[in-house]
Amino acid sequence: MVVAGGDYVHFVVEYGGKIEKCRVTETALLNRERMSRRDAGHAQLIAIFVRHRAEIEHLARAKLQREGHSDRGVVVTTEDLNP
């Protein structure tokens, strides 16, 4: 399941036998593709996410391992995706 809403693309990953809520910021996705906000709607943000899904999910799992579970979910940011 992938949903674009607000300033995030929301997704889930399996970690530790559980399904964990995660999101990646719109800014991180746009920076990855060197696009501006006016050039990207929800469909484009999801397409960017799908292109980089494996890496984004890996980063989310790494954050879960470092920081543990959060009721608010893990957020993959520009600093994570575009170091």
N, C-alpha and C. Protein backbone atom coordinates (compact mmCIF):
# COMPACT_ATOMS: atom_id res chain seq x y z
N MET A 1 0.83 -1.18 0.00
CA MET A 1 0.00 0.00 0.00
C MET A 1 0.88 1.25 0.00
N VAL A 2 0.63 2.13 -0.93
CA VAL A 2 1.36 3.39 -1.02
C VAL A 2 0.33 4.49 -1.26
N VAL A 3 0.39 5.53 -0.43
CA VAL A 3 -0.57 6.63 -0.54
C VAL A 3 0.18 7.95 -0.40
N ALA A 4 -0.09 8.88 -1.30
CA ALA A 4 0.47 10.22 -1.18
C ALA A 4 -0.57 11.08 -0.46
N GLY A 5 -0.12 11.79 0.57
CA GLY A 5 -1.02 12.66 1.30
C GLY A 5 -0.25 13.69 2.08
N GLY A 6 -0.71 14.90 2.06
CA GLY A 6 0.00 15.96 2.77
C GLY A 6 1.37 16.14 2.17
N ASP A 7 2.37 16.19 3.00
CA ASP A 7 3.75 16.36 2.55
C ASP A 7 4.51 15.05 2.54
N TYR A 8 3.80 13.92 2.47
CA TYR A 8 4.44 12.60 2.59
C TYR A 8 3.86 11.61 1.60
N VAL A 9 4.65 10.57 1.32
CA VAL A 9 4.14 9.35 0.72
C VAL A 9 4.19 8.31 1.84
N HIS A 10 3.04 7.74 2.14
CA HIS A 10 2.91 6.77 3.23
C HIS A 10 3.04 5.36 2.67
N PHE A 11 3.74 4.48 3.43
CA PHE A 11 3.91 3.10 3.02
C PHE A 11 4.12 2.26 4.27
N VAL A 12 4.15 0.96 4.11
CA VAL A 12 4.41 0.06 5.23
C VAL A 12 5.56 -0.87 4.88
N VAL A 13 6.27 -1.32 5.91
CA VAL A 13 7.31 -2.33 5.76
C VAL A 13 7.11 -3.39 6.83
N GLU A 14 7.60 -4.57 6.55
CA GLU A 14 7.61 -5.61 7.56
C GLU A 14 8.94 -5.54 8.29
N TYR A 15 8.86 -5.51 9.61
CA TYR A 15 10.07 -5.46 10.43
C TYR A 15 9.79 -6.18 11.74
N GLY A 16 10.64 -7.12 12.07
CA GLY A 16 10.47 -7.85 13.33
C GLY A 16 9.17 -8.62 13.40
N GLY A 17 8.70 -9.10 12.25
CA GLY A 17 7.46 -9.85 12.22
C GLY A 17 6.20 -9.01 12.31
N LYS A 18 6.36 -7.70 12.27
CA LYS A 18 5.21 -6.78 12.35
C LYS A 18 5.19 -5.87 11.12
N ILE A 19 4.03 -5.33 10.84
CA ILE A 19 3.88 -4.32 9.79
C ILE A 19 4.03 -2.96 10.46
N GLU A 20 4.97 -2.17 9.96
CA GLU A 20 5.27 -0.86 10.53
C GLU A 20 4.87 0.25 9.56
N LYS A 21 4.21 1.29 10.08
CA LYS A 21 3.86 2.46 9.28
C LYS A 21 5.11 3.29 9.04
N CYS A 22 5.26 3.76 7.82
CA CYS A 22 6.40 4.60 7.45
C CYS A 22 5.93 5.68 6.49
N ARG A 23 6.75 6.71 6.35
CA ARG A 23 6.50 7.75 5.35
C ARG A 23 7.82 8.31 4.89
N VAL A 24 7.81 8.81 3.69
CA VAL A 24 8.96 9.51 3.14
C VAL A 24 8.48 10.91 2.79
N THR A 25 9.30 11.90 3.08
CA THR A 25 8.88 13.27 2.84
C THR A 25 8.84 13.58 1.34
N GLU A 26 7.92 14.43 1.01
CA GLU A 26 7.81 14.92 -0.37
C GLU A 26 9.13 15.57 -0.79
N THR A 27 9.73 16.33 0.09
CA THR A 27 10.98 17.03 -0.20
C THR A 27 12.09 16.04 -0.54
N ALA A 28 12.18 14.94 0.21
CA ALA A 28 13.20 13.92 -0.06
C ALA A 28 13.03 13.34 -1.46
N LEU A 29 11.78 13.04 -1.82
CA LEU A 29 11.52 12.47 -3.15
C LEU A 29 11.84 13.47 -4.25
N LEU A 30 11.41 14.70 -4.07
CA LEU A 30 11.67 15.73 -5.08
C LEU A 30 13.16 16.02 -5.22
N ASN A 31 13.86 16.08 -4.11
CA ASN A 31 15.31 16.30 -4.17
C ASN A 31 16.02 15.16 -4.88
N ARG A 32 15.54 13.94 -4.66
CA ARG A 32 16.14 12.77 -5.30
C ARG A 32 16.07 12.87 -6.82
N GLU A 33 14.95 13.39 -7.31
CA GLU A 33 14.73 13.50 -8.75
C GLU A 33 15.07 14.88 -9.30
N ARG A 34 15.52 15.77 -8.42
CA ARG A 34 15.85 17.15 -8.80
C ARG A 34 14.66 17.83 -9.48
N MET A 35 13.50 17.71 -8.82
CA MET A 35 12.27 18.31 -9.32
C MET A 35 11.79 19.36 -8.34
N SER A 36 10.98 20.29 -8.84
CA SER A 36 10.36 21.27 -7.96
C SER A 36 8.94 20.82 -7.64
N ARG A 37 8.38 21.36 -6.58
CA ARG A 37 7.04 20.98 -6.15
C ARG A 37 6.00 21.26 -7.22
N ARG A 38 6.15 22.35 -7.93
CA ARG A 38 5.14 22.70 -8.93
C ARG A 38 5.12 21.71 -10.09
N ASP A 39 6.21 20.94 -10.26
CA ASP A 39 6.29 19.96 -11.35
C ASP A 39 5.76 18.59 -10.96
N ALA A 40 5.35 18.40 -9.69
CA ALA A 40 4.99 17.06 -9.24
C ALA A 40 3.70 17.05 -8.44
N GLY A 41 2.75 16.26 -8.89
CA GLY A 41 1.52 16.02 -8.15
C GLY A 41 1.63 14.70 -7.42
N HIS A 42 0.52 14.25 -6.85
CA HIS A 42 0.52 13.00 -6.09
C HIS A 42 0.97 11.81 -6.93
N ALA A 43 0.52 11.74 -8.17
CA ALA A 43 0.88 10.61 -9.04
C ALA A 43 2.38 10.58 -9.30
N GLN A 44 2.99 11.74 -9.52
CA GLN A 44 4.43 11.79 -9.75
C GLN A 44 5.20 11.40 -8.50
N LEU A 45 4.72 11.85 -7.33
CA LEU A 45 5.39 11.48 -6.08
C LEU A 45 5.37 9.97 -5.86
N ILE A 46 4.24 9.35 -6.15
CA ILE A 46 4.16 7.89 -6.01
C ILE A 46 5.08 7.22 -7.03
N ALA A 47 5.15 7.73 -8.24
CA ALA A 47 6.04 7.16 -9.26
C ALA A 47 7.50 7.26 -8.82
N ILE A 48 7.88 8.39 -8.22
CA ILE A 48 9.26 8.54 -7.71
C ILE A 48 9.49 7.52 -6.60
N PHE A 49 8.53 7.40 -5.69
CA PHE A 49 8.65 6.41 -4.61
C PHE A 49 8.85 5.01 -5.19
N VAL A 50 8.04 4.63 -6.16
CA VAL A 50 8.14 3.29 -6.74
C VAL A 50 9.52 3.06 -7.36
N ARG A 51 10.07 4.06 -8.04
CA ARG A 51 11.41 3.93 -8.65
C ARG A 51 12.47 3.67 -7.59
N HIS A 52 12.31 4.25 -6.41
CA HIS A 52 13.33 4.16 -5.37
C HIS A 52 12.86 3.33 -4.17
N ARG A 53 11.81 2.55 -4.37
CA ARG A 53 11.15 1.83 -3.27
C ARG A 53 12.11 0.96 -2.46
N ALA A 54 12.92 0.15 -3.12
CA ALA A 54 13.81 -0.76 -2.39
C ALA A 54 14.74 0.01 -1.46
N GLU A 55 15.32 1.09 -1.94
CA GLU A 55 16.22 1.90 -1.12
C GLU A 55 15.48 2.58 0.04
N ILE A 56 14.30 3.12 -0.25
CA ILE A 56 13.52 3.81 0.78
C ILE A 56 13.09 2.84 1.87
N GLU A 57 12.64 1.65 1.47
CA GLU A 57 12.25 0.64 2.46
C GLU A 57 13.44 0.19 3.28
N HIS A 58 14.60 0.04 2.65
CA HIS A 58 15.83 -0.31 3.37
C HIS A 58 16.17 0.77 4.41
N LEU A 59 16.06 2.02 4.02
CA LEU A 59 16.35 3.13 4.95
C LEU A 59 15.35 3.14 6.10
N ALA A 60 14.08 2.85 5.82
CA ALA A 60 13.07 2.82 6.87
C ALA A 60 13.37 1.69 7.86
N ARG A 61 13.73 0.52 7.36
CA ARG A 61 14.07 -0.60 8.26
C ARG A 61 15.31 -0.27 9.10
N ALA A 62 16.29 0.38 8.50
CA ALA A 62 17.49 0.78 9.24
C ALA A 62 17.13 1.75 10.36
N LYS A 63 16.22 2.68 10.09
CA LYS A 63 15.78 3.62 11.14
C LYS A 63 15.03 2.88 12.24
N LEU A 64 14.20 1.91 11.86
CA LEU A 64 13.51 1.11 12.86
C LEU A 64 14.50 0.37 13.74
N GLN A 65 15.54 -0.15 13.14
CA GLN A 65 16.56 -0.88 13.90
C GLN A 65 17.28 0.07 14.87
N ARG A 66 17.60 1.27 14.42
CA ARG A 66 18.30 2.24 15.26
C ARG A 66 17.40 2.84 16.33
N GLU A 67 16.18 3.23 15.93
CA GLU A 67 15.32 4.04 16.80
C GLU A 67 14.19 3.25 17.44
N GLY A 68 13.87 2.09 16.90
CA GLY A 68 12.77 1.30 17.45
C GLY A 68 11.42 1.75 16.93
N HIS A 69 10.39 1.06 17.38
CA HIS A 69 9.01 1.32 16.95
C HIS A 69 8.51 2.65 17.49
N SER A 70 7.71 3.32 16.69
CA SER A 70 7.05 4.55 17.11
C SER A 70 5.61 4.48 16.66
N ASP A 71 4.69 4.89 17.50
CA ASP A 71 3.28 4.91 17.11
C ASP A 71 3.03 5.85 15.93
N ARG A 72 3.88 6.84 15.79
CA ARG A 72 3.72 7.79 14.68
C ARG A 72 4.36 7.29 13.40
N GLY A 73 5.14 6.23 13.49
CA GLY A 73 5.79 5.66 12.31
C GLY A 73 7.15 6.27 12.06
N VAL A 74 7.87 5.66 11.17
CA VAL A 74 9.22 6.10 10.80
C VAL A 74 9.10 7.07 9.63
N VAL A 75 9.91 8.13 9.67
CA VAL A 75 9.92 9.11 8.58
C VAL A 75 11.29 9.09 7.92
N VAL A 76 11.30 8.83 6.62
CA VAL A 76 12.53 8.90 5.82
C VAL A 76 12.59 10.33 5.28
N THR A 77 13.68 11.02 5.60
CA THR A 77 13.83 12.43 5.26
C THR A 77 14.85 12.65 4.15
N THR A 78 15.00 13.88 3.75
CA THR A 78 16.01 14.24 2.75
C THR A 78 17.39 13.83 3.22
N GLU A 79 17.68 14.02 4.49
CA GLU A 79 18.99 13.66 5.01
C GLU A 79 19.25 12.16 4.89
N ASP A 80 18.21 11.35 4.99
CA ASP A 80 18.36 9.90 4.85
C ASP A 80 18.54 9.50 3.39
N LEU A 81 17.72 10.05 2.51
CA LEU A 81 17.66 9.62 1.13
C LEU A 81 18.68 10.31 0.24
N ASN A 82 19.09 11.50 0.62
CA ASN A 82 19.99 12.29 -0.21
C ASN A 82 21.17 12.81 0.62
N PRO A 83 21.97 11.89 1.16
CA PRO A 83 23.06 12.34 2.06
C PRO A 83 24.13 13.13 1.36
